[in-house]
Amino acid sequence: MKQDWSPDEIIEHFTLLPAEIEFLGSNDPHNQLGKAVLLKWFGQESRFPEAPSELPRAVISHIAQQLNLPEEVIDQYDWSGRRIKEHRQAIREFYGFRRSSLTDQTE
């Protein structure tokens, strides 16, 4: 993903829609922001970031503002634990994706 986004591009691509805000539910601030960032990233890239360093800070800031959270809480998000796996699975389902299976490969 590109790192430099204009303000208009950020608004267009990373503004949370009402259904997305509802999907996020209520989590601890760092989990809510982490899930929101993953959601918008996946919606843009059809994949998840491989490392937090891929995330443009301006994008994190824009999403955090919409959730009334300080952007620094993203630093507390666990990028390798159980919670991110749950978030990724929920996001795939939200967008109608699923992991491919052996059956898919033979078809």
N, C-alpha and C. Protein backbone atom coordinates (compact mmCIF):
# COMPACT_ATOMS: atom_id res chain seq x y z
N MET A 1 0.85 -1.17 0.00
CA MET A 1 0.00 0.00 0.00
C MET A 1 0.89 1.23 0.00
N LYS A 2 0.45 2.22 -0.74
CA LYS A 2 1.24 3.44 -0.77
C LYS A 2 1.23 4.10 0.61
N GLN A 3 2.26 4.87 0.88
CA GLN A 3 2.41 5.51 2.18
C GLN A 3 1.92 6.95 2.21
N ASP A 4 1.90 7.60 1.07
CA ASP A 4 1.50 9.01 1.02
C ASP A 4 0.11 9.13 0.41
N TRP A 5 -0.82 9.56 1.22
CA TRP A 5 -2.21 9.73 0.81
C TRP A 5 -2.59 11.19 0.97
N SER A 6 -3.31 11.71 0.00
CA SER A 6 -3.82 13.08 0.14
C SER A 6 -4.98 13.04 1.13
N PRO A 7 -5.30 14.18 1.75
CA PRO A 7 -6.45 14.20 2.66
C PRO A 7 -7.74 13.71 2.00
N ASP A 8 -7.96 14.09 0.75
CA ASP A 8 -9.17 13.64 0.06
C ASP A 8 -9.18 12.12 -0.15
N GLU A 9 -8.02 11.55 -0.47
CA GLU A 9 -7.93 10.10 -0.65
C GLU A 9 -8.20 9.37 0.67
N ILE A 10 -7.65 9.90 1.74
CA ILE A 10 -7.86 9.27 3.05
C ILE A 10 -9.35 9.28 3.40
N ILE A 11 -10.00 10.40 3.19
CA ILE A 11 -11.44 10.49 3.48
C ILE A 11 -12.21 9.51 2.61
N GLU A 12 -11.88 9.45 1.33
CA GLU A 12 -12.60 8.57 0.41
C GLU A 12 -12.44 7.09 0.75
N HIS A 13 -11.23 6.68 1.07
CA HIS A 13 -10.94 5.26 1.22
C HIS A 13 -10.95 4.74 2.66
N PHE A 14 -10.84 5.64 3.63
CA PHE A 14 -10.69 5.18 5.01
C PHE A 14 -11.71 5.74 5.99
N THR A 15 -12.78 6.31 5.47
CA THR A 15 -13.86 6.75 6.34
C THR A 15 -14.75 5.54 6.64
N LEU A 16 -15.01 5.34 7.91
CA LEU A 16 -15.82 4.20 8.34
C LEU A 16 -17.29 4.44 8.01
N LEU A 17 -17.91 3.46 7.42
CA LEU A 17 -19.34 3.50 7.12
C LEU A 17 -20.13 3.03 8.35
N PRO A 18 -21.39 3.40 8.46
CA PRO A 18 -22.18 2.98 9.63
C PRO A 18 -22.16 1.47 9.87
N ALA A 19 -22.26 0.67 8.82
CA ALA A 19 -22.23 -0.79 8.99
C ALA A 19 -20.87 -1.26 9.52
N GLU A 20 -19.81 -0.57 9.12
CA GLU A 20 -18.48 -0.93 9.61
C GLU A 20 -18.32 -0.57 11.08
N ILE A 21 -18.85 0.58 11.47
CA ILE A 21 -18.78 0.98 12.88
C ILE A 21 -19.56 -0.01 13.74
N GLU A 22 -20.72 -0.41 13.26
CA GLU A 22 -21.51 -1.41 13.98
C GLU A 22 -20.76 -2.73 14.08
N PHE A 23 -20.10 -3.13 13.01
CA PHE A 23 -19.32 -4.36 12.98
C PHE A 23 -18.20 -4.34 14.03
N LEU A 24 -17.60 -3.18 14.24
CA LEU A 24 -16.49 -3.09 15.18
C LEU A 24 -16.91 -3.40 16.60
N GLY A 25 -18.15 -3.08 16.96
CA GLY A 25 -18.62 -3.35 18.30
C GLY A 25 -17.84 -2.56 19.33
N SER A 26 -17.94 -3.00 20.56
CA SER A 26 -17.21 -2.32 21.63
C SER A 26 -16.09 -3.23 22.10
N ASN A 27 -14.91 -2.76 21.96
CA ASN A 27 -13.70 -3.47 22.38
C ASN A 27 -12.88 -2.51 23.23
N ASP A 28 -11.81 -3.03 23.79
CA ASP A 28 -10.84 -2.13 24.39
C ASP A 28 -10.36 -1.19 23.30
N PRO A 29 -9.97 0.03 23.65
CA PRO A 29 -9.59 1.00 22.60
C PRO A 29 -8.56 0.47 21.61
N HIS A 30 -7.51 -0.19 22.10
CA HIS A 30 -6.48 -0.67 21.17
C HIS A 30 -7.02 -1.76 20.25
N ASN A 31 -7.90 -2.61 20.76
CA ASN A 31 -8.50 -3.64 19.91
C ASN A 31 -9.50 -3.06 18.92
N GLN A 32 -10.24 -2.06 19.34
CA GLN A 32 -11.21 -1.43 18.43
C GLN A 32 -10.47 -0.74 17.29
N LEU A 33 -9.42 0.01 17.61
CA LEU A 33 -8.67 0.69 16.56
C LEU A 33 -7.94 -0.31 15.67
N GLY A 34 -7.34 -1.32 16.27
CA GLY A 34 -6.65 -2.33 15.47
C GLY A 34 -7.59 -3.03 14.50
N LYS A 35 -8.76 -3.41 14.99
CA LYS A 35 -9.75 -4.08 14.14
C LYS A 35 -10.22 -3.15 13.03
N ALA A 36 -10.44 -1.88 13.36
CA ALA A 36 -10.89 -0.90 12.35
C ALA A 36 -9.83 -0.71 11.27
N VAL A 37 -8.58 -0.61 11.67
CA VAL A 37 -7.49 -0.43 10.70
C VAL A 37 -7.39 -1.66 9.80
N LEU A 38 -7.47 -2.84 10.38
CA LEU A 38 -7.44 -4.07 9.58
C LEU A 38 -8.62 -4.12 8.61
N LEU A 39 -9.79 -3.72 9.09
CA LEU A 39 -10.99 -3.73 8.26
C LEU A 39 -10.83 -2.85 7.03
N LYS A 40 -10.40 -1.61 7.25
CA LYS A 40 -10.26 -0.68 6.12
C LYS A 40 -9.10 -1.08 5.22
N TRP A 41 -8.03 -1.58 5.80
CA TRP A 41 -6.89 -2.05 4.99
C TRP A 41 -7.33 -3.19 4.09
N PHE A 42 -8.02 -4.19 4.67
CA PHE A 42 -8.48 -5.33 3.89
C PHE A 42 -9.44 -4.89 2.80
N GLY A 43 -10.30 -3.95 3.10
CA GLY A 43 -11.23 -3.43 2.11
C GLY A 43 -10.53 -2.76 0.95
N GLN A 44 -9.37 -2.22 1.21
CA GLN A 44 -8.59 -1.52 0.19
C GLN A 44 -7.66 -2.46 -0.58
N GLU A 45 -7.05 -3.40 0.14
CA GLU A 45 -5.97 -4.22 -0.43
C GLU A 45 -6.35 -5.69 -0.67
N SER A 46 -7.46 -6.14 -0.11
CA SER A 46 -7.87 -7.56 -0.14
C SER A 46 -6.82 -8.46 0.49
N ARG A 47 -6.13 -7.93 1.45
CA ARG A 47 -5.16 -8.69 2.24
C ARG A 47 -4.93 -7.91 3.53
N PHE A 48 -4.25 -8.54 4.47
CA PHE A 48 -3.94 -7.87 5.73
C PHE A 48 -2.49 -7.40 5.71
N PRO A 49 -2.17 -6.36 6.47
CA PRO A 49 -0.78 -5.91 6.51
C PRO A 49 0.10 -6.99 7.14
N GLU A 50 1.31 -7.11 6.64
CA GLU A 50 2.23 -8.10 7.17
C GLU A 50 2.92 -7.60 8.43
N ALA A 51 2.99 -6.29 8.59
CA ALA A 51 3.63 -5.69 9.76
C ALA A 51 3.01 -4.32 10.02
N PRO A 52 3.01 -3.88 11.26
CA PRO A 52 2.45 -2.56 11.56
C PRO A 52 3.15 -1.43 10.79
N SER A 53 4.39 -1.64 10.42
CA SER A 53 5.13 -0.60 9.69
C SER A 53 4.54 -0.32 8.32
N GLU A 54 3.71 -1.22 7.80
CA GLU A 54 3.05 -0.99 6.51
C GLU A 54 1.95 0.07 6.60
N LEU A 55 1.49 0.34 7.80
CA LEU A 55 0.34 1.21 7.99
C LEU A 55 0.74 2.68 7.97
N PRO A 56 0.22 3.45 7.03
CA PRO A 56 0.51 4.89 7.03
C PRO A 56 -0.09 5.55 8.27
N ARG A 57 0.72 6.33 8.95
CA ARG A 57 0.27 6.97 10.20
C ARG A 57 -0.94 7.87 9.96
N ALA A 58 -1.01 8.52 8.82
CA ALA A 58 -2.15 9.40 8.52
C ALA A 58 -3.45 8.60 8.44
N VAL A 59 -3.38 7.39 7.95
CA VAL A 59 -4.56 6.52 7.87
C VAL A 59 -4.99 6.12 9.28
N ILE A 60 -4.04 5.72 10.11
CA ILE A 60 -4.35 5.36 11.50
C ILE A 60 -4.99 6.55 12.21
N SER A 61 -4.41 7.72 12.02
CA SER A 61 -4.93 8.93 12.65
C SER A 61 -6.37 9.21 12.24
N HIS A 62 -6.66 9.09 10.95
CA HIS A 62 -8.01 9.35 10.44
C HIS A 62 -9.02 8.37 11.04
N ILE A 63 -8.66 7.11 11.08
CA ILE A 63 -9.56 6.10 11.64
C ILE A 63 -9.74 6.32 13.14
N ALA A 64 -8.66 6.62 13.84
CA ALA A 64 -8.74 6.87 15.28
C ALA A 64 -9.65 8.05 15.60
N GLN A 65 -9.55 9.12 14.81
CA GLN A 65 -10.40 10.29 15.03
C GLN A 65 -11.87 9.93 14.92
N GLN A 66 -12.22 9.08 13.97
CA GLN A 66 -13.61 8.68 13.79
C GLN A 66 -14.14 7.90 14.99
N LEU A 67 -13.25 7.20 15.67
CA LEU A 67 -13.63 6.40 16.83
C LEU A 67 -13.43 7.15 18.14
N ASN A 68 -13.02 8.40 18.03
CA ASN A 68 -12.72 9.23 19.21
C ASN A 68 -11.68 8.57 20.11
N LEU A 69 -10.64 8.05 19.48
CA LEU A 69 -9.56 7.39 20.20
C LEU A 69 -8.24 8.07 19.87
N PRO A 70 -7.30 8.08 20.81
CA PRO A 70 -5.96 8.58 20.47
C PRO A 70 -5.26 7.57 19.57
N GLU A 71 -4.60 8.05 18.53
CA GLU A 71 -3.97 7.12 17.58
C GLU A 71 -2.89 6.27 18.22
N GLU A 72 -2.33 6.71 19.33
CA GLU A 72 -1.25 5.98 19.99
C GLU A 72 -1.71 4.62 20.53
N VAL A 73 -3.01 4.43 20.73
CA VAL A 73 -3.46 3.13 21.26
C VAL A 73 -3.17 1.99 20.28
N ILE A 74 -2.95 2.31 19.02
CA ILE A 74 -2.61 1.27 18.04
C ILE A 74 -1.31 0.56 18.43
N ASP A 75 -0.44 1.26 19.16
CA ASP A 75 0.83 0.67 19.58
C ASP A 75 0.64 -0.45 20.60
N GLN A 76 -0.53 -0.51 21.22
CA GLN A 76 -0.83 -1.57 22.20
C GLN A 76 -1.49 -2.78 21.55
N TYR A 77 -1.83 -2.68 20.27
CA TYR A 77 -2.51 -3.79 19.58
C TYR A 77 -1.54 -4.94 19.39
N ASP A 78 -1.98 -6.15 19.70
CA ASP A 78 -1.14 -7.34 19.58
C ASP A 78 -1.21 -7.87 18.14
N TRP A 79 -0.13 -7.70 17.41
CA TRP A 79 -0.08 -8.06 15.99
C TRP A 79 0.24 -9.52 15.75
N SER A 80 0.35 -10.32 16.82
CA SER A 80 0.69 -11.72 16.61
C SER A 80 -0.12 -12.67 17.49
N GLY A 81 -1.06 -12.18 18.23
CA GLY A 81 -1.79 -13.02 19.17
C GLY A 81 -3.11 -13.55 18.66
N ARG A 82 -3.84 -14.11 19.59
CA ARG A 82 -5.14 -14.72 19.30
C ARG A 82 -6.14 -13.70 18.80
N ARG A 83 -6.13 -12.51 19.38
CA ARG A 83 -7.13 -11.49 19.04
C ARG A 83 -7.05 -11.08 17.57
N ILE A 84 -5.85 -10.89 17.04
CA ILE A 84 -5.74 -10.48 15.63
C ILE A 84 -6.26 -11.59 14.71
N LYS A 85 -6.05 -12.84 15.11
CA LYS A 85 -6.58 -13.95 14.30
C LYS A 85 -8.10 -13.91 14.28
N GLU A 86 -8.70 -13.63 15.45
CA GLU A 86 -10.16 -13.50 15.52
C GLU A 86 -10.65 -12.33 14.66
N HIS A 87 -9.93 -11.21 14.75
CA HIS A 87 -10.31 -10.03 13.96
C HIS A 87 -10.22 -10.33 12.47
N ARG A 88 -9.14 -10.97 12.06
CA ARG A 88 -8.98 -11.29 10.64
C ARG A 88 -10.10 -12.19 10.13
N GLN A 89 -10.45 -13.21 10.92
CA GLN A 89 -11.53 -14.12 10.52
C GLN A 89 -12.85 -13.36 10.41
N ALA A 90 -13.15 -12.52 11.38
CA ALA A 90 -14.40 -11.75 11.36
C ALA A 90 -14.44 -10.80 10.17
N ILE A 91 -13.30 -10.21 9.83
CA ILE A 91 -13.23 -9.28 8.70
C ILE A 91 -13.42 -10.04 7.38
N ARG A 92 -12.81 -11.19 7.26
CA ARG A 92 -13.02 -12.01 6.05
C ARG A 92 -14.51 -12.31 5.87
N GLU A 93 -15.15 -12.70 6.96
CA GLU A 93 -16.58 -13.00 6.90
C GLU A 93 -17.39 -11.75 6.56
N PHE A 94 -17.01 -10.61 7.13
CA PHE A 94 -17.71 -9.35 6.87
C PHE A 94 -17.71 -9.04 5.37
N TYR A 95 -16.57 -9.27 4.73
CA TYR A 95 -16.44 -9.00 3.29
C TYR A 95 -16.84 -10.18 2.41
N GLY A 96 -17.23 -11.30 3.01
CA GLY A 96 -17.66 -12.46 2.23
C GLY A 96 -16.51 -13.30 1.70
N PHE A 97 -15.34 -13.19 2.31
CA PHE A 97 -14.19 -14.00 1.93
C PHE A 97 -14.09 -15.20 2.85
N ARG A 98 -13.43 -16.23 2.37
CA ARG A 98 -13.07 -17.36 3.22
C ARG A 98 -11.75 -17.90 2.70
N ARG A 99 -11.07 -18.61 3.57
CA ARG A 99 -9.81 -19.22 3.15
C ARG A 99 -10.11 -20.33 2.15
N SER A 100 -9.23 -20.50 1.20
CA SER A 100 -9.44 -21.57 0.22
C SER A 100 -9.20 -22.93 0.87
N SER A 101 -9.87 -23.91 0.35
CA SER A 101 -9.75 -25.28 0.87
C SER A 101 -9.14 -26.16 -0.22
N LEU A 102 -8.86 -27.40 0.14
CA LEU A 102 -8.36 -28.35 -0.85
C LEU A 102 -9.38 -28.57 -1.95
N THR A 103 -10.66 -28.55 -1.60
CA THR A 103 -11.73 -28.71 -2.59
C THR A 103 -11.67 -27.58 -3.61
N ASP A 104 -11.43 -26.36 -3.13
CA ASP A 104 -11.34 -25.22 -4.04
C ASP A 104 -10.20 -25.41 -5.04
N GLN A 105 -9.11 -25.99 -4.59
CA GLN A 105 -7.95 -26.15 -5.46
C GLN A 105 -8.17 -27.19 -6.55
N THR A 106 -9.06 -28.14 -6.30
CA THR A 106 -9.30 -29.18 -7.30
C THR A 106 -10.39 -28.80 -8.28
N GLU A 107 -11.13 -27.74 -7.99
CA GLU A 107 -12.22 -27.32 -8.88
C GLU A 107 -11.72 -26.42 -9.98
